[in-house]
Amino acid sequence: MKRILSVILLLVLMLSLSACGEKSAEAAVTTDQGTDAEKAQGTNVTESTVIEEEPAVTETDAPVVYFTADISPAGLQKVYEALNWTPGGKLAVKVSTGEPPASNYLRAELIGPLVQSLNGVIVECNTAYGGSRSSSVMHRQVAEDHGFTSFAEFDLMDENGEAEWPVTGGKRINNAIVGSHAENYSDWLILSHFKGHAMAGFGGAIKNVAIGMSSPSGKVYVHSAGTRTTGSIMHSDQDAWLEAMGEMVTAVRDHVGQEHIVYINVMNRLSVDCDCDGHPAEPDIHDIGILASTDPVALDQACYDLVCKAEGNESLLKRIERQHGLHTLEYAEQIGLGSRTYTLINVDG
């Protein structure tokens, strides 16, 4: 009887995700403790967070994604602690410092207490497209203006050069070209703002590593799907560069070790535009929550699934579809970076 109920529950969940199209239905979602999240966030938390007395559809090997509706320093601390992970050495906290004057970067007031408690270093690389963060002098000023230097050391990883970390079996790229200071860190917290993106469709954990950790030439290398390291970041083959992002992240994972890297996505200020846009569109979706996982594919997929069920999601979903954004996750799963099947656990209790 339990086995029959399990099959029925799985079919119901897959049908509920079909509102976002066949692609999102490919990701089987299993959940726990969602009733509190629904009360806290209303229509902004998906039906996939409903508690079942027996989580029968849970796959034993599915990665866990932790969720809280509490977008606050306390909520951030809670989902981090749920990971049961402690850095064993020098910790790099990869964020986006945000393009001035009005981007939706993660505010110091939100992330500062956690970063301080971990004695982490805020790390970034300069941009490849101009703007206020294309040189170290300007970028350091932005980091100060946006409050990052008020609570942690700030390290521009590419300030003194680059390092190449090999991609094993890459179809698009052969190396990840990162800032040379990346070699100075044994442990990594990838702290990302989930939102839309004009080129990738959306930006989350995978993009924060693939583009954010790359030096300017490394950014061009990924954006061009391995065809060049200088010149424009525009590329005619959309799927190719999305695939290059996944390959770049595998290089980082393999170099630092999977046990030395964790990922947190904050789902607030859900604009269709990235934090690299200094004049982003106002969000149509209310804030949703904070999610954390050791699997970047599962984490980004869970965020996408929550967007699918949020009120006002039309513009963001349209951008993701237009840019074929889900292909990033499809290919990342294909090459073994992570899983689009996950178990969602609400830590709000």
C-alpha atoms as a PDB file:
ATOM      1  CA  MET A   1       0.000   0.000   0.000  1.00  0.00           C
ATOM      2  CA  LYS A   2       2.805   2.446   0.887  1.00  0.00           C
ATOM      3  CA  ARG A   3       4.447   1.738  -2.448  1.00  0.00           C
ATOM      4  CA  ILE A   4       1.194   2.540  -4.290  1.00  0.00           C
ATOM      5  CA  LEU A   5       0.790   5.789  -2.346  1.00  0.00           C
ATOM      6  CA  SER A   6       4.382   6.691  -3.191  1.00  0.00           C
ATOM      7  CA  VAL A   7       3.723   6.358  -6.896  1.00  0.00           C
ATOM      8  CA  ILE A   8       0.543   8.453  -6.615  1.00  0.00           C
ATOM      9  CA  LEU A   9       2.346  11.210  -4.695  1.00  0.00           C
ATOM     10  CA  LEU A  10       5.166  11.319  -7.215  1.00  0.00           C
ATOM     11  CA  LEU A  11       2.697  11.650 -10.098  1.00  0.00           C
ATOM     12  CA  VAL A  12       0.893  14.502  -8.322  1.00  0.00           C
ATOM     13  CA  LEU A  13       4.134  16.385  -7.711  1.00  0.00           C
ATOM     14  CA  MET A  14       5.287  15.984 -11.302  1.00  0.00           C
ATOM     15  CA  LEU A  15       1.945  17.234 -12.601  1.00  0.00           C
ATOM     16  CA  SER A  16       2.138  20.274 -10.309  1.00  0.00           C
ATOM     17  CA  LEU A  17       5.480  21.219 -11.822  1.00  0.00           C
ATOM     18  CA  SER A  18       4.164  20.902 -15.376  1.00  0.00           C
ATOM     19  CA  ALA A  19       2.914  24.500 -15.237  1.00  0.00           C
ATOM     20  CA  CYS A  20       6.478  25.544 -15.992  1.00  0.00           C
ATOM     21  CA  GLY A  21       6.692  23.269 -19.006  1.00  0.00           C
ATOM     22  CA  GLU A  22       8.071  19.843 -19.700  1.00  0.00           C
ATOM     23  CA  LYS A  23      11.614  20.854 -18.840  1.00  0.00           C
ATOM     24  CA  SER A  24      10.870  21.646 -15.217  1.00  0.00           C
ATOM     25  CA  ALA A  25       8.918  18.427 -14.874  1.00  0.00           C
ATOM     26  CA  GLU A  26      12.142  16.553 -15.542  1.00  0.00           C
ATOM     27  CA  ALA A  27      13.305  17.479 -12.038  1.00  0.00           C
ATOM     28  CA  ALA A  28      11.596  15.222  -9.512  1.00  0.00           C
ATOM     29  CA  VAL A  29      11.155  17.128  -6.244  1.00  0.00           C
ATOM     30  CA  THR A  30      10.748  15.546  -2.813  1.00  0.00           C
ATOM     31  CA  THR A  31       9.979  17.621   0.227  1.00  0.00           C
ATOM     32  CA  ASP A  32       9.622  17.939   3.986  1.00  0.00           C
ATOM     33  CA  GLN A  33       8.138  20.475   6.441  1.00  0.00           C
ATOM     34  CA  GLY A  34       6.569  22.861   3.942  1.00  0.00           C
ATOM     35  CA  THR A  35       3.430  23.958   5.792  1.00  0.00           C
ATOM     36  CA  ASP A  36       5.270  26.622   7.789  1.00  0.00           C
ATOM     37  CA  ALA A  37       6.878  27.992   4.635  1.00  0.00           C
ATOM     38  CA  GLU A  38       3.470  28.316   3.009  1.00  0.00           C
ATOM     39  CA  LYS A  39       2.168  30.259   5.969  1.00  0.00           C
ATOM     40  CA  ALA A  40       5.204  32.544   5.961  1.00  0.00           C
ATOM     41  CA  GLN A  41       5.368  33.202   2.221  1.00  0.00           C
ATOM     42  CA  GLY A  42       1.885  32.431   0.890  1.00  0.00           C
ATOM     43  CA  THR A  43       1.798  32.025  -2.868  1.00  0.00           C
ATOM     44  CA  ASN A  44       5.556  32.555  -3.143  1.00  0.00           C
ATOM     45  CA  VAL A  45       6.358  29.077  -1.825  1.00  0.00           C
ATOM     46  CA  THR A  46       5.562  26.193  -4.121  1.00  0.00           C
ATOM     47  CA  GLU A  47       3.194  23.365  -3.480  1.00  0.00           C
ATOM     48  CA  SER A  48       6.260  21.164  -3.395  1.00  0.00           C
ATOM     49  CA  THR A  49       6.865  22.268   0.196  1.00  0.00           C
ATOM     50  CA  VAL A  50       3.773  20.494   1.585  1.00  0.00           C
ATOM     51  CA  ILE A  51       4.553  18.072   4.425  1.00  0.00           C
ATOM     52  CA  GLU A  52       3.743  14.446   3.966  1.00  0.00           C
ATOM     53  CA  GLU A  53       3.594  12.241   7.061  1.00  0.00           C
ATOM     54  CA  GLU A  54       5.788   9.754   5.264  1.00  0.00           C
ATOM     55  CA  PRO A  55       8.175  11.220   2.641  1.00  0.00           C
ATOM     56  CA  ALA A  56       7.699   8.106   0.570  1.00  0.00           C
ATOM     57  CA  VAL A  57       8.866   9.627  -2.711  1.00  0.00           C
ATOM     58  CA  THR A  58      12.273  10.577  -1.304  1.00  0.00           C
ATOM     59  CA  GLU A  59      15.125   8.975  -3.192  1.00  0.00           C
ATOM     60  CA  THR A  60      17.794   7.845  -0.762  1.00  0.00           C
ATOM     61  CA  ASP A  61      20.606   9.266  -2.882  1.00  0.00           C
ATOM     62  CA  ALA A  62      18.901  12.540  -3.820  1.00  0.00           C
ATOM     63  CA  PRO A  63      20.794  15.646  -2.654  1.00  0.00           C
ATOM     64  CA  VAL A  64      19.119  17.741   0.021  1.00  0.00           C
ATOM     65  CA  VAL A  65      18.207  21.391  -0.471  1.00  0.00           C
ATOM     66  CA  TYR A  66      17.411  23.280   2.735  1.00  0.00           C
ATOM     67  CA  PHE A  67      14.874  26.114   2.689  1.00  0.00           C
ATOM     68  CA  THR A  68      13.859  28.954   4.960  1.00  0.00           C
ATOM     69  CA  ALA A  69      11.353  31.726   4.287  1.00  0.00           C
ATOM     70  CA  ASP A  70      13.249  33.913   6.765  1.00  0.00           C
ATOM     71  CA  ILE A  71      15.400  36.278   4.698  1.00  0.00           C
ATOM     72  CA  SER A  72      17.417  37.682   7.576  1.00  0.00           C
ATOM     73  CA  PRO A  73      20.830  37.120   9.148  1.00  0.00           C
ATOM     74  CA  ALA A  74      19.198  34.558  11.449  1.00  0.00           C
ATOM     75  CA  GLY A  75      17.597  32.744   8.520  1.00  0.00           C
ATOM     76  CA  LEU A  76      20.882  32.705   6.616  1.00  0.00           C
ATOM     77  CA  GLN A  77      22.643  31.287   9.664  1.00  0.00           C
ATOM     78  CA  LYS A  78      19.953  28.622  10.016  1.00  0.00           C
ATOM     79  CA  VAL A  79      20.220  27.238   6.489  1.00  0.00           C
ATOM     80  CA  TYR A  80      24.004  27.335   6.694  1.00  0.00           C
ATOM     81  CA  GLU A  81      23.953  25.328   9.920  1.00  0.00           C
ATOM     82  CA  ALA A  82      21.584  22.818   8.313  1.00  0.00           C
ATOM     83  CA  LEU A  83      24.387  21.906   5.912  1.00  0.00           C
ATOM     84  CA  ASN A  84      26.409  20.588   8.862  1.00  0.00           C
ATOM     85  CA  TRP A  85      29.562  21.844   7.191  1.00  0.00           C
ATOM     86  CA  THR A  86      32.522  23.613   8.748  1.00  0.00           C
ATOM     87  CA  PRO A  87      35.490  25.006   6.801  1.00  0.00           C
ATOM     88  CA  GLY A  88      38.710  23.338   7.769  1.00  0.00           C
ATOM     89  CA  GLY A  89      41.001  26.085   6.535  1.00  0.00           C
ATOM     90  CA  LYS A  90      40.950  29.528   4.984  1.00  0.00           C
ATOM     91  CA  LEU A  91      37.429  30.294   3.743  1.00  0.00           C
ATOM     92  CA  ALA A  92      36.576  32.210   0.571  1.00  0.00           C
ATOM     93  CA  VAL A  93      33.043  33.598   0.381  1.00  0.00           C
ATOM     94  CA  LYS A  94      32.198  34.214  -3.283  1.00  0.00           C
ATOM     95  CA  VAL A  95      29.606  36.935  -3.756  1.00  0.00           C
ATOM     96  CA  SER A  96      28.793  39.437  -6.464  1.00  0.00           C
ATOM     97  CA  THR A  97      29.759  42.933  -5.369  1.00  0.00           C
ATOM     98  CA  GLY A  98      27.075  44.366  -7.678  1.00  0.00           C
ATOM     99  CA  GLU A  99      27.270  46.986 -10.389  1.00  0.00           C
ATOM    100  CA  PRO A 100      26.501  50.581  -9.291  1.00  0.00           C
ATOM    101  CA  PRO A 101      24.357  52.486  -8.859  1.00  0.00           C
ATOM    102  CA  ALA A 102      21.279  50.378  -8.072  1.00  0.00           C
ATOM    103  CA  SER A 103      21.858  46.647  -8.551  1.00  0.00           C
ATOM    104  CA  ASN A 104      20.327  44.019  -6.289  1.00  0.00           C
ATOM    105  CA  TYR A 105      23.521  42.564  -4.788  1.00  0.00           C
ATOM    106  CA  LEU A 106      23.260  40.852  -1.399  1.00  0.00           C
ATOM    107  CA  ARG A 107      23.438  43.535   1.271  1.00  0.00           C
ATOM    108  CA  ALA A 108      26.099  43.635   3.957  1.00  0.00           C
ATOM    109  CA  GLU A 109      23.420  43.745   6.645  1.00  0.00           C
ATOM    110  CA  LEU A 110      22.165  40.341   5.518  1.00  0.00           C
ATOM    111  CA  ILE A 111      25.377  38.396   4.938  1.00  0.00           C
ATOM    112  CA  GLY A 112      27.838  40.175   7.230  1.00  0.00           C
ATOM    113  CA  PRO A 113      27.067  38.314  10.488  1.00  0.00           C
ATOM    114  CA  LEU A 114      27.481  34.869   8.904  1.00  0.00           C
ATOM    115  CA  VAL A 115      30.680  35.791   7.071  1.00  0.00           C
ATOM    116  CA  GLN A 116      32.147  37.283  10.252  1.00  0.00           C
ATOM    117  CA  SER A 117      31.221  34.218  12.297  1.00  0.00           C
ATOM    118  CA  LEU A 118      33.138  32.041   9.831  1.00  0.00           C
ATOM    119  CA  ASN A 119      36.090  34.439   9.558  1.00  0.00           C
ATOM    120  CA  GLY A 120      35.550  34.350   5.795  1.00  0.00           C
ATOM    121  CA  VAL A 121      37.158  36.502   3.115  1.00  0.00           C
ATOM    122  CA  ILE A 122      34.900  38.109   0.509  1.00  0.00           C
ATOM    123  CA  VAL A 123      36.343  37.228  -2.905  1.00  0.00           C
ATOM    124  CA  GLU A 124      35.605  38.511  -6.395  1.00  0.00           C
ATOM    125  CA  CYS A 125      37.201  38.984  -9.816  1.00  0.00           C
ATOM    126  CA  ASN A 126      37.157  41.971 -12.125  1.00  0.00           C
ATOM    127  CA  THR A 127      34.652  42.095 -14.960  1.00  0.00           C
ATOM    128  CA  ALA A 128      35.236  41.578 -18.676  1.00  0.00           C
ATOM    129  CA  TYR A 129      32.587  43.968 -19.977  1.00  0.00           C
ATOM    130  CA  GLY A 130      33.652  47.369 -18.661  1.00  0.00           C
ATOM    131  CA  GLY A 131      31.577  49.103 -16.024  1.00  0.00           C
ATOM    132  CA  SER A 132      32.664  50.153 -12.552  1.00  0.00           C
ATOM    133  CA  ARG A 133      34.317  46.855 -11.649  1.00  0.00           C
ATOM    134  CA  SER A 134      36.621  46.309 -14.621  1.00  0.00           C
ATOM    135  CA  SER A 135      39.745  47.569 -12.836  1.00  0.00           C
ATOM    136  CA  SER A 136      41.005  46.733  -9.367  1.00  0.00           C
ATOM    137  CA  VAL A 137      40.981  50.340  -8.174  1.00  0.00           C
ATOM    138  CA  MET A 138      37.383  50.922  -9.211  1.00  0.00           C
ATOM    139  CA  HIS A 139      36.260  47.503  -8.037  1.00  0.00           C
ATOM    140  CA  ARG A 140      37.726  48.020  -4.570  1.00  0.00           C
ATOM    141  CA  GLN A 141      35.844  51.291  -4.326  1.00  0.00           C
ATOM    142  CA  VAL A 142      32.585  49.556  -5.246  1.00  0.00           C
ATOM    143  CA  ALA A 143      33.211  46.868  -2.637  1.00  0.00           C
ATOM    144  CA  GLU A 144      33.716  49.579  -0.027  1.00  0.00           C
ATOM    145  CA  ASP A 145      30.706  51.600  -1.164  1.00  0.00           C
ATOM    146  CA  HIS A 146      28.499  48.493  -1.017  1.00  0.00           C
ATOM    147  CA  GLY A 147      29.616  47.682   2.511  1.00  0.00           C
ATOM    148  CA  PHE A 148      31.602  44.500   1.957  1.00  0.00           C
ATOM    149  CA  THR A 149      34.819  45.832   3.459  1.00  0.00           C
ATOM    150  CA  SER A 150      32.973  46.838   6.640  1.00  0.00           C
ATOM    151  CA  PHE A 151      32.746  43.263   7.915  1.00  0.00           C
ATOM    152  CA  ALA A 152      35.424  41.203   6.132  1.00  0.00           C
ATOM    153  CA  GLU A 153      38.677  41.249   4.241  1.00  0.00           C
ATOM    154  CA  PHE A 154      38.108  41.776   0.508  1.00  0.00           C
ATOM    155  CA  ASP A 155      40.243  39.945  -2.043  1.00  0.00           C
ATOM    156  CA  LEU A 156      40.252  40.593  -5.781  1.00  0.00           C
ATOM    157  CA  MET A 157      41.500  37.193  -6.826  1.00  0.00           C
ATOM    158  CA  ASP A 158      42.751  38.217 -10.277  1.00  0.00           C
ATOM    159  CA  GLU A 159      44.618  41.318  -9.075  1.00  0.00           C
ATOM    160  CA  ASN A 160      47.979  39.565  -9.421  1.00  0.00           C
ATOM    161  CA  GLY A 161      47.288  37.200 -12.281  1.00  0.00           C
ATOM    162  CA  GLU A 162      45.528  33.988 -13.172  1.00  0.00           C
ATOM    163  CA  ALA A 163      45.621  30.259 -12.532  1.00  0.00           C
ATOM    164  CA  GLU A 164      44.354  27.458 -14.736  1.00  0.00           C
ATOM    165  CA  TRP A 165      42.492  24.506 -13.271  1.00  0.00           C
ATOM    166  CA  PRO A 166      41.917  21.607 -15.709  1.00  0.00           C
ATOM    167  CA  VAL A 167      38.516  20.486 -16.948  1.00  0.00           C
ATOM    168  CA  THR A 168      38.327  16.709 -17.205  1.00  0.00           C
ATOM    169  CA  GLY A 169      36.633  15.531 -20.393  1.00  0.00           C
ATOM    170  CA  GLY A 170      35.339  18.956 -21.368  1.00  0.00           C
ATOM    171  CA  LYS A 171      33.467  19.364 -24.643  1.00  0.00           C
ATOM    172  CA  ARG A 172      33.612  23.172 -24.633  1.00  0.00           C
ATOM    173  CA  ILE A 173      36.578  24.248 -22.506  1.00  0.00           C
ATOM    174  CA  ASN A 174      39.844  22.703 -21.326  1.00  0.00           C
ATOM    175  CA  ASN A 175      40.497  24.812 -18.246  1.00  0.00           C
ATOM    176  CA  ALA A 176      38.910  27.081 -15.723  1.00  0.00           C
ATOM    177  CA  ILE A 177      40.859  30.348 -15.760  1.00  0.00           C
ATOM    178  CA  VAL A 178      40.490  31.765 -12.265  1.00  0.00           C
ATOM    179  CA  GLY A 179      42.107  34.592 -10.351  1.00  0.00           C
ATOM    180  CA  SER A 180      45.466  33.420  -9.015  1.00  0.00           C
ATOM    181  CA  HIS A 181      44.492  34.183  -5.399  1.00  0.00           C
ATOM    182  CA  ALA A 182      41.967  31.346  -5.598  1.00  0.00           C
ATOM    183  CA  GLU A 183      44.886  29.062  -4.795  1.00  0.00           C
ATOM    184  CA  ASN A 184      45.063  30.640  -1.325  1.00  0.00           C
ATOM    185  CA  TYR A 185      41.768  29.172  -0.106  1.00  0.00           C
ATOM    186  CA  SER A 186      41.010  25.639   0.986  1.00  0.00           C
ATOM    187  CA  ASP A 187      37.269  26.079   1.494  1.00  0.00           C
ATOM    188  CA  TRP A 188      34.514  27.876  -0.392  1.00  0.00           C
ATOM    189  CA  LEU A 189      31.068  29.249   0.402  1.00  0.00           C
ATOM    190  CA  ILE A 190      29.325  30.237  -2.824  1.00  0.00           C
ATOM    191  CA  LEU A 191      26.832  32.845  -1.639  1.00  0.00           C
ATOM    192  CA  SER A 192      24.627  33.841  -4.559  1.00  0.00           C
ATOM    193  CA  HIS A 193      21.679  36.086  -5.289  1.00  0.00           C
ATOM    194  CA  PHE A 194      19.240  34.117  -7.463  1.00  0.00           C
ATOM    195  CA  LYS A 195      17.685  36.328 -10.165  1.00  0.00           C
ATOM    196  CA  GLY A 196      17.253  36.675 -13.901  1.00  0.00           C
ATOM    197  CA  HIS A 197      20.063  37.316 -16.358  1.00  0.00           C
ATOM    198  CA  ALA A 198      20.002  38.882 -19.816  1.00  0.00           C
ATOM    199  CA  MET A 199      22.427  36.345 -21.292  1.00  0.00           C
ATOM    200  CA  ALA A 200      22.054  33.171 -19.210  1.00  0.00           C
ATOM    201  CA  GLY A 201      18.341  33.488 -18.456  1.00  0.00           C
ATOM    202  CA  PHE A 202      19.003  33.224 -14.738  1.00  0.00           C
ATOM    203  CA  GLY A 203      21.937  33.450 -12.393  1.00  0.00           C
ATOM    204  CA  GLY A 204      22.466  31.344  -9.295  1.00  0.00           C
ATOM    205  CA  ALA A 205      25.177  29.148  -7.821  1.00  0.00           C
ATOM    206  CA  ILE A 206      26.504  27.788 -11.111  1.00  0.00           C
ATOM    207  CA  LYS A 207      26.886  31.192 -12.715  1.00  0.00           C
ATOM    208  CA  ASN A 208      28.427  32.712  -9.570  1.00  0.00           C
ATOM    209  CA  VAL A 209      31.228  30.158  -9.855  1.00  0.00           C
ATOM    210  CA  ALA A 210      31.543  29.852 -13.628  1.00  0.00           C
ATOM    211  CA  ILE A 211      31.662  33.577 -14.382  1.00  0.00           C
ATOM    212  CA  GLY A 212      32.249  35.095 -10.959  1.00  0.00           C
ATOM    213  CA  MET A 213      35.391  33.104 -10.132  1.00  0.00           C
ATOM    214  CA  SER A 214      36.840  33.527 -13.619  1.00  0.00           C
ATOM    215  CA  SER A 215      39.386  36.223 -14.363  1.00  0.00           C
ATOM    216  CA  PRO A 216      38.425  38.658 -17.146  1.00  0.00           C
ATOM    217  CA  SER A 217      40.073  36.445 -19.769  1.00  0.00           C
ATOM    218  CA  GLY A 218      38.486  33.423 -18.128  1.00  0.00           C
ATOM    219  CA  LYS A 219      35.088  35.094 -18.372  1.00  0.00           C
ATOM    220  CA  VAL A 220      35.570  35.616 -22.116  1.00  0.00           C
ATOM    221  CA  TYR A 221      36.736  31.999 -22.399  1.00  0.00           C
ATOM    222  CA  VAL A 222      33.531  30.683 -20.812  1.00  0.00           C
ATOM    223  CA  HIS A 223      31.223  33.130 -22.590  1.00  0.00           C
ATOM    224  CA  SER A 224      32.758  32.190 -25.945  1.00  0.00           C
ATOM    225  CA  ALA A 225      32.553  28.457 -25.165  1.00  0.00           C
ATOM    226  CA  GLY A 226      36.324  28.111 -25.259  1.00  0.00           C
ATOM    227  CA  THR A 227      36.918  29.869 -28.573  1.00  0.00           C
ATOM    228  CA  ARG A 228      38.881  32.882 -27.286  1.00  0.00           C
ATOM    229  CA  THR A 229      40.177  34.664 -24.177  1.00  0.00           C
ATOM    230  CA  THR A 230      40.013  38.244 -25.432  1.00  0.00           C
ATOM    231  CA  GLY A 231      37.382  40.406 -27.067  1.00  0.00           C
ATOM    232  CA  SER A 232      33.625  40.351 -26.765  1.00  0.00           C
ATOM    233  CA  ILE A 233      31.744  38.180 -24.286  1.00  0.00           C
ATOM    234  CA  MET A 234      28.961  37.745 -26.870  1.00  0.00           C
ATOM    235  CA  HIS A 235      28.733  34.346 -28.555  1.00  0.00           C
ATOM    236  CA  SER A 236      26.431  33.075 -31.282  1.00  0.00           C
ATOM    237  CA  ASP A 237      25.996  29.550 -29.898  1.00  0.00           C
ATOM    238  CA  GLN A 238      23.827  29.972 -26.804  1.00  0.00           C
ATOM    239  CA  ASP A 239      23.810  26.339 -25.679  1.00  0.00           C
ATOM    240  CA  ALA A 240      27.574  26.061 -26.098  1.00  0.00           C
ATOM    241  CA  TRP A 241      28.423  28.774 -23.617  1.00  0.00           C
ATOM    242  CA  LEU A 242      25.810  27.555 -21.139  1.00  0.00           C
ATOM    243  CA  GLU A 243      27.523  24.175 -21.321  1.00  0.00           C
ATOM    244  CA  ALA A 244      30.899  25.837 -20.787  1.00  0.00           C
ATOM    245  CA  MET A 245      29.611  27.214 -17.481  1.00  0.00           C
ATOM    246  CA  GLY A 246      28.871  23.736 -16.194  1.00  0.00           C
ATOM    247  CA  GLU A 247      32.263  22.467 -17.283  1.00  0.00           C
ATOM    248  CA  MET A 248      34.016  25.345 -15.559  1.00  0.00           C
ATOM    249  CA  VAL A 249      32.279  24.533 -12.264  1.00  0.00           C
ATOM    250  CA  THR A 250      33.374  20.885 -12.492  1.00  0.00           C
ATOM    251  CA  ALA A 251      36.965  22.110 -12.699  1.00  0.00           C
ATOM    252  CA  VAL A 252      36.531  24.153  -9.523  1.00  0.00           C
ATOM    253  CA  ARG A 253      34.848  21.275  -7.714  1.00  0.00           C
ATOM    254  CA  ASP A 254      37.567  18.834  -8.733  1.00  0.00           C
ATOM    255  CA  HIS A 255      40.385  21.199  -7.821  1.00  0.00           C
ATOM    256  CA  VAL A 256      39.188  22.210  -4.354  1.00  0.00           C
ATOM    257  CA  GLY A 257      37.401  18.937  -3.559  1.00  0.00           C
ATOM    258  CA  GLN A 258      33.643  18.469  -3.363  1.00  0.00           C
ATOM    259  CA  GLU A 259      33.753  18.320   0.429  1.00  0.00           C
ATOM    260  CA  HIS A 260      35.330  21.788   0.547  1.00  0.00           C
ATOM    261  CA  ILE A 261      32.570  23.755  -1.184  1.00  0.00           C
ATOM    262  CA  VAL A 262      28.937  24.558  -0.299  1.00  0.00           C
ATOM    263  CA  TYR A 263      26.302  26.759  -1.917  1.00  0.00           C
ATOM    264  CA  ILE A 264      23.636  29.173  -0.660  1.00  0.00           C
ATOM    265  CA  ASN A 265      21.133  31.046  -2.865  1.00  0.00           C
ATOM    266  CA  VAL A 266      19.117  34.022  -1.616  1.00  0.00           C
ATOM    267  CA  MET A 267      15.809  34.499  -3.423  1.00  0.00           C
ATOM    268  CA  ASN A 268      15.035  38.169  -2.833  1.00  0.00           C
ATOM    269  CA  ARG A 269      14.706  41.117  -5.215  1.00  0.00           C
ATOM    270  CA  LEU A 270      13.882  38.652  -8.005  1.00  0.00           C
ATOM    271  CA  SER A 271      14.404  40.961 -10.964  1.00  0.00           C
ATOM    272  CA  VAL A 272      14.738  39.684 -14.517  1.00  0.00           C
ATOM    273  CA  ASP A 273      18.128  41.442 -14.506  1.00  0.00           C
ATOM    274  CA  CYS A 274      21.426  40.360 -13.013  1.00  0.00           C
ATOM    275  CA  ASP A 275      23.466  42.147 -10.331  1.00  0.00           C
ATOM    276  CA  CYS A 276      25.854  43.099 -13.146  1.00  0.00           C
ATOM    277  CA  ASP A 277      23.119  45.508 -14.284  1.00  0.00           C
ATOM    278  CA  GLY A 278      23.291  48.817 -12.477  1.00  0.00           C
ATOM    279  CA  HIS A 279      19.728  49.693 -13.498  1.00  0.00           C
ATOM    280  CA  PRO A 280      17.716  46.467 -13.093  1.00  0.00           C
ATOM    281  CA  ALA A 281      14.000  46.156 -13.695  1.00  0.00           C
ATOM    282  CA  GLU A 282      11.861  46.142 -10.581  1.00  0.00           C
ATOM    283  CA  PRO A 283      10.906  42.602  -9.501  1.00  0.00           C
ATOM    284  CA  ASP A 284       7.443  41.262 -10.252  1.00  0.00           C
ATOM    285  CA  ILE A 285       7.817  38.444  -7.712  1.00  0.00           C
ATOM    286  CA  HIS A 286       7.772  38.819  -3.953  1.00  0.00           C
ATOM    287  CA  ASP A 287      10.798  37.598  -1.988  1.00  0.00           C
ATOM    288  CA  ILE A 288      10.742  33.814  -1.445  1.00  0.00           C
ATOM    289  CA  GLY A 289      13.493  32.649   0.894  1.00  0.00           C
ATOM    290  CA  ILE A 290      17.011  31.301   1.278  1.00  0.00           C
ATOM    291  CA  LEU A 291      18.130  27.870   0.074  1.00  0.00           C
ATOM    292  CA  ALA A 292      21.327  25.901   0.700  1.00  0.00           C
ATOM    293  CA  SER A 293      22.870  22.686  -0.584  1.00  0.00           C
ATOM    294  CA  THR A 294      26.105  20.877  -1.269  1.00  0.00           C
ATOM    295  CA  ASP A 295      24.837  20.329  -4.835  1.00  0.00           C
ATOM    296  CA  PRO A 296      24.775  23.433  -7.081  1.00  0.00           C
ATOM    297  CA  VAL A 297      22.534  21.821  -9.709  1.00  0.00           C
ATOM    298  CA  ALA A 298      19.922  20.761  -7.172  1.00  0.00           C
ATOM    299  CA  LEU A 299      20.078  24.208  -5.572  1.00  0.00           C
ATOM    300  CA  ASP A 300      19.546  26.169  -8.794  1.00  0.00           C
ATOM    301  CA  GLN A 301      16.826  23.727  -9.889  1.00  0.00           C
ATOM    302  CA  ALA A 302      14.985  24.159  -6.580  1.00  0.00           C
ATOM    303  CA  CYS A 303      15.109  27.929  -6.978  1.00  0.00           C
ATOM    304  CA  TYR A 304      13.735  27.663 -10.495  1.00  0.00           C
ATOM    305  CA  ASP A 305      10.921  25.407  -9.296  1.00  0.00           C
ATOM    306  CA  LEU A 306       9.975  27.936  -6.620  1.00  0.00           C
ATOM    307  CA  VAL A 307       9.891  30.700  -9.234  1.00  0.00           C
ATOM    308  CA  CYS A 308       7.564  28.509 -11.294  1.00  0.00           C
ATOM    309  CA  LYS A 309       4.963  28.586  -8.530  1.00  0.00           C
ATOM    310  CA  ALA A 310       5.366  32.251  -7.571  1.00  0.00           C
ATOM    311  CA  GLU A 311       2.818  34.929  -8.430  1.00  0.00           C
ATOM    312  CA  GLY A 312       4.047  37.405 -11.029  1.00  0.00           C
ATOM    313  CA  ASN A 313       6.619  35.021 -12.495  1.00  0.00           C
ATOM    314  CA  GLU A 314       5.752  35.620 -16.158  1.00  0.00           C
ATOM    315  CA  SER A 315       8.570  38.013 -17.067  1.00  0.00           C
ATOM    316  CA  LEU A 316      11.287  36.001 -15.336  1.00  0.00           C
ATOM    317  CA  LEU A 317      10.150  32.684 -16.786  1.00  0.00           C
ATOM    318  CA  LYS A 318       9.929  34.276 -20.231  1.00  0.00           C
ATOM    319  CA  ARG A 319      13.530  35.456 -19.954  1.00  0.00           C
ATOM    320  CA  ILE A 320      14.734  32.037 -18.795  1.00  0.00           C
ATOM    321  CA  GLU A 321      12.921  30.346 -21.673  1.00  0.00           C
ATOM    322  CA  ARG A 322      14.139  32.884 -24.231  1.00  0.00           C
ATOM    323  CA  GLN A 323      17.767  32.313 -23.242  1.00  0.00           C
ATOM    324  CA  HIS A 324      17.311  28.540 -22.964  1.00  0.00           C
ATOM    325  CA  GLY A 325      18.434  28.893 -19.350  1.00  0.00           C
ATOM    326  CA  LEU A 326      17.380  25.438 -18.200  1.00  0.00           C
ATOM    327  CA  HIS A 327      19.933  23.931 -20.578  1.00  0.00           C
ATOM    328  CA  THR A 328      22.564  24.981 -18.056  1.00  0.00           C
ATOM    329  CA  LEU A 329      21.043  22.565 -15.541  1.00  0.00           C
ATOM    330  CA  GLU A 330      20.327  19.856 -18.096  1.00  0.00           C
ATOM    331  CA  TYR A 331      23.939  19.761 -19.251  1.00  0.00           C
ATOM    332  CA  ALA A 332      25.377  20.181 -15.754  1.00  0.00           C
ATOM    333  CA  GLU A 333      23.469  17.086 -14.645  1.00  0.00           C
ATOM    334  CA  GLN A 334      24.567  15.223 -17.769  1.00  0.00           C
ATOM    335  CA  ILE A 335      28.270  15.791 -17.012  1.00  0.00           C
ATOM    336  CA  GLY A 336      27.919  14.806 -13.358  1.00  0.00           C
ATOM    337  CA  LEU A 337      28.082  18.206 -11.687  1.00  0.00           C
ATOM    338  CA  GLY A 338      24.942  17.474  -9.704  1.00  0.00           C
ATOM    339  CA  SER A 339      21.347  16.306  -9.766  1.00  0.00           C
ATOM    340  CA  ARG A 340      18.107  17.988 -10.792  1.00  0.00           C
ATOM    341  CA  THR A 341      16.304  15.564  -8.478  1.00  0.00           C
ATOM    342  CA  TYR A 342      16.445  16.728  -4.868  1.00  0.00           C
ATOM    343  CA  THR A 343      14.779  16.587  -1.466  1.00  0.00           C
ATOM    344  CA  LEU A 344      13.533  19.970  -0.201  1.00  0.00           C
ATOM    345  CA  ILE A 345      13.610  20.379   3.576  1.00  0.00           C
ATOM    346  CA  ASN A 346      12.126  23.392   5.357  1.00  0.00           C
ATOM    347  CA  VAL A 347      14.255  24.325   8.361  1.00  0.00           C
ATOM    348  CA  ASP A 348      11.773  26.822   9.809  1.00  0.00           C
ATOM    349  CA  GLY A 349      10.271  24.134  12.058  1.00  0.00           C
END
